Amino acid sequence: MSALKLLALDAEDLDIVSAQVQDAVLKVGDIHWRADEKRLVIALNRFAWETANGARRFERRRAALHLARVTGVKALHLSPDRPDAVLELLALRFVETEAPSGAVELVFAGGATLRAEVECLEVGLTDLGAAWATAHCPSHDVA
């Protein structure tokens, strides 16, 4: 399977990126806010959902999630003092404030959230290397 390279410029595009990063795992220390560049860059190990349908062997890929035109970042239940803490990314969503600005929210398992205020929506996802095998496919219990 070839590497993914996606760009989201509207909420519909962001839904596609969100589906590709669902169940990605990362460490708090993999989150890099570059205020002077107005960028938020997150290194993560994404589950390759595009190869999982009916597969017996599952894959993960190292990827970079990049948010541009970021004016501020706020975290809830995330501590930079614990850079080795592992997070599981559940979804990305865009909350429009005054068009075209708004916030990209990264929702993690366990109630943690990262909110990036943006001038406009510009989110990229790029695979950084080859896939590796994993025996586990994430599952979600529906209550």
Protein backbone atom coordinates (compact mmCIF):
# COMPACT_ATOMS: atom_id res chain seq x y z
CA MET A 1 0.00 0.00 0.00
CA SER A 2 1.36 3.42 -0.86
CA ALA A 3 1.88 6.10 1.74
CA LEU A 4 -0.95 8.52 2.52
CA LYS A 5 -0.63 12.24 1.94
CA LEU A 6 -3.83 14.14 2.69
CA LEU A 7 -4.78 17.80 3.00
CA ALA A 8 -7.94 19.12 4.70
CA LEU A 9 -9.16 22.60 3.81
CA ASP A 10 -12.76 22.22 4.98
CA ALA A 11 -14.74 20.23 7.55
CA GLU A 12 -15.62 17.49 5.05
CA ASP A 13 -11.92 16.98 4.22
CA LEU A 14 -11.14 16.94 7.95
CA ASP A 15 -13.60 14.06 8.42
CA ILE A 16 -11.49 12.00 6.00
CA VAL A 17 -8.26 12.84 7.83
CA SER A 18 -9.99 12.07 11.13
CA ALA A 19 -10.97 8.60 9.90
CA GLN A 20 -7.34 7.91 8.95
CA VAL A 21 -5.95 8.92 12.35
CA GLN A 22 -8.65 7.21 14.43
CA ASP A 23 -6.91 4.99 16.99
CA ALA A 24 -3.48 6.47 16.35
CA VAL A 25 -1.17 6.33 19.36
CA LEU A 26 1.38 8.91 20.37
CA LYS A 27 3.20 10.28 23.37
CA VAL A 28 2.58 13.72 24.84
CA GLY A 29 6.19 14.52 23.92
CA ASP A 30 5.32 13.93 20.23
CA ILE A 31 3.19 17.10 20.23
CA HIS A 32 5.14 20.15 19.04
CA TRP A 33 3.59 23.63 19.15
CA ARG A 34 5.72 26.08 17.16
CA ALA A 35 4.11 29.40 18.04
CA ASP A 36 6.56 31.51 16.03
CA GLU A 37 5.71 29.46 12.90
CA LYS A 38 1.97 29.20 13.68
CA ARG A 39 2.25 25.41 13.36
CA LEU A 40 1.27 22.40 15.41
CA VAL A 41 3.05 19.19 14.42
CA ILE A 42 2.24 15.80 15.92
CA ALA A 43 4.16 12.60 15.25
CA LEU A 44 1.95 9.54 15.65
CA ASN A 45 1.64 5.85 14.89
CA ARG A 46 -1.58 5.55 12.95
CA PHE A 47 -3.54 2.35 12.49
CA ALA A 48 -3.76 1.63 8.74
CA TRP A 49 -7.55 1.34 8.46
CA GLU A 50 -7.29 1.30 4.66
CA THR A 51 -5.69 -2.18 4.79
CA ALA A 52 -7.70 -3.63 7.70
CA ASN A 53 -10.93 -4.66 5.95
CA GLY A 54 -11.02 -8.45 6.22
CA ALA A 55 -7.28 -8.65 6.89
CA ARG A 56 -5.70 -11.11 9.26
CA ARG A 57 -2.57 -9.02 9.52
CA PHE A 58 -2.94 -5.42 10.61
CA GLU A 59 -0.54 -2.51 10.13
CA ARG A 60 0.55 0.73 11.72
CA ARG A 61 2.47 3.54 10.06
CA ARG A 62 4.52 6.43 11.44
CA ALA A 63 2.89 9.66 10.29
CA ALA A 64 2.93 13.40 10.85
CA LEU A 65 -0.22 15.41 11.48
CA HIS A 66 0.36 19.09 10.66
CA LEU A 67 -1.91 22.03 11.46
CA ALA A 68 -1.05 25.39 9.87
CA ARG A 69 -2.15 28.96 10.69
CA VAL A 70 -2.47 28.10 14.38
CA THR A 71 -2.85 31.10 16.67
CA GLY A 72 -3.10 29.29 20.00
CA VAL A 73 -3.21 25.85 21.61
CA LYS A 74 -5.02 24.76 24.76
CA ALA A 75 -4.91 21.35 26.43
CA LEU A 76 -7.33 19.62 28.76
CA HIS A 77 -6.07 16.65 30.80
CA LEU A 78 -2.70 16.66 28.99
CA SER A 79 0.45 17.41 30.96
CA PRO A 80 3.68 18.47 29.25
CA ASP A 81 5.39 17.32 32.46
CA ARG A 82 4.63 13.73 31.42
CA PRO A 83 6.16 13.52 27.90
CA ASP A 84 6.11 9.69 27.91
CA ALA A 85 2.38 9.45 28.65
CA VAL A 86 0.66 7.55 25.84
CA LEU A 87 -2.43 8.96 24.15
CA GLU A 88 -4.93 7.31 21.82
CA LEU A 89 -6.42 9.71 19.27
CA LEU A 90 -10.11 9.12 18.65
CA ALA A 91 -11.14 11.97 16.35
CA LEU A 92 -10.47 15.38 14.87
CA ARG A 93 -13.24 17.92 14.55
CA PHE A 94 -13.54 21.51 13.37
CA VAL A 95 -15.55 24.05 15.34
CA GLU A 96 -16.08 27.16 13.26
CA THR A 97 -16.17 30.46 15.13
CA GLU A 98 -16.08 33.43 12.73
CA ALA A 99 -15.60 32.03 9.21
CA PRO A 100 -13.09 30.99 8.12
CA SER A 101 -11.50 30.81 11.59
CA GLY A 102 -12.28 28.30 14.28
CA ALA A 103 -10.69 25.51 16.26
CA VAL A 104 -9.45 22.04 15.44
CA GLU A 105 -10.12 19.74 18.39
CA LEU A 106 -8.16 16.55 18.85
CA VAL A 107 -10.16 14.19 21.06
CA PHE A 108 -8.28 11.46 22.92
CA ALA A 109 -9.44 8.40 24.86
CA GLY A 110 -9.84 9.08 28.57
CA GLY A 111 -11.20 12.60 28.15
CA ALA A 112 -8.06 14.47 27.06
CA THR A 113 -8.48 17.17 24.41
CA LEU A 114 -6.14 19.42 22.50
CA ARG A 115 -7.70 22.53 20.94
CA ALA A 116 -5.85 24.49 18.25
CA GLU A 117 -7.28 27.90 17.38
CA VAL A 118 -6.79 28.46 13.63
CA GLU A 119 -7.13 31.38 11.22
CA CYS A 120 -8.57 28.89 8.72
CA LEU A 121 -8.62 25.13 8.31
CA GLU A 122 -5.39 23.70 6.89
CA VAL A 123 -4.53 20.23 8.19
CA GLY A 124 -2.16 17.74 6.58
CA LEU A 125 -1.45 14.07 7.21
CA THR A 126 1.65 12.45 5.75
CA ASP A 127 2.96 8.93 6.23
CA LEU A 128 6.67 9.01 7.02
CA GLY A 129 7.77 5.47 6.34
CA ALA A 130 6.99 1.84 5.80
CA ALA A 131 4.24 0.01 7.66
CA TRP A 132 4.87 -2.55 10.37
CA ALA A 133 2.69 -5.44 11.44
CA THR A 134 0.55 -5.42 14.54
CA ALA A 135 -1.58 -8.28 15.82
CA HIS A 136 -4.28 -6.06 17.27
CA CYS A 137 -7.12 -4.28 15.52
CA PRO A 138 -8.66 -1.49 17.62
CA SER A 139 -12.28 -2.01 18.56
CA HIS A 140 -14.84 0.24 20.14
CA ASP A 141 -17.57 -0.99 22.43
CA VAL A 142 -20.90 0.62 21.67
CA ALA A 143 -23.00 1.15 24.79
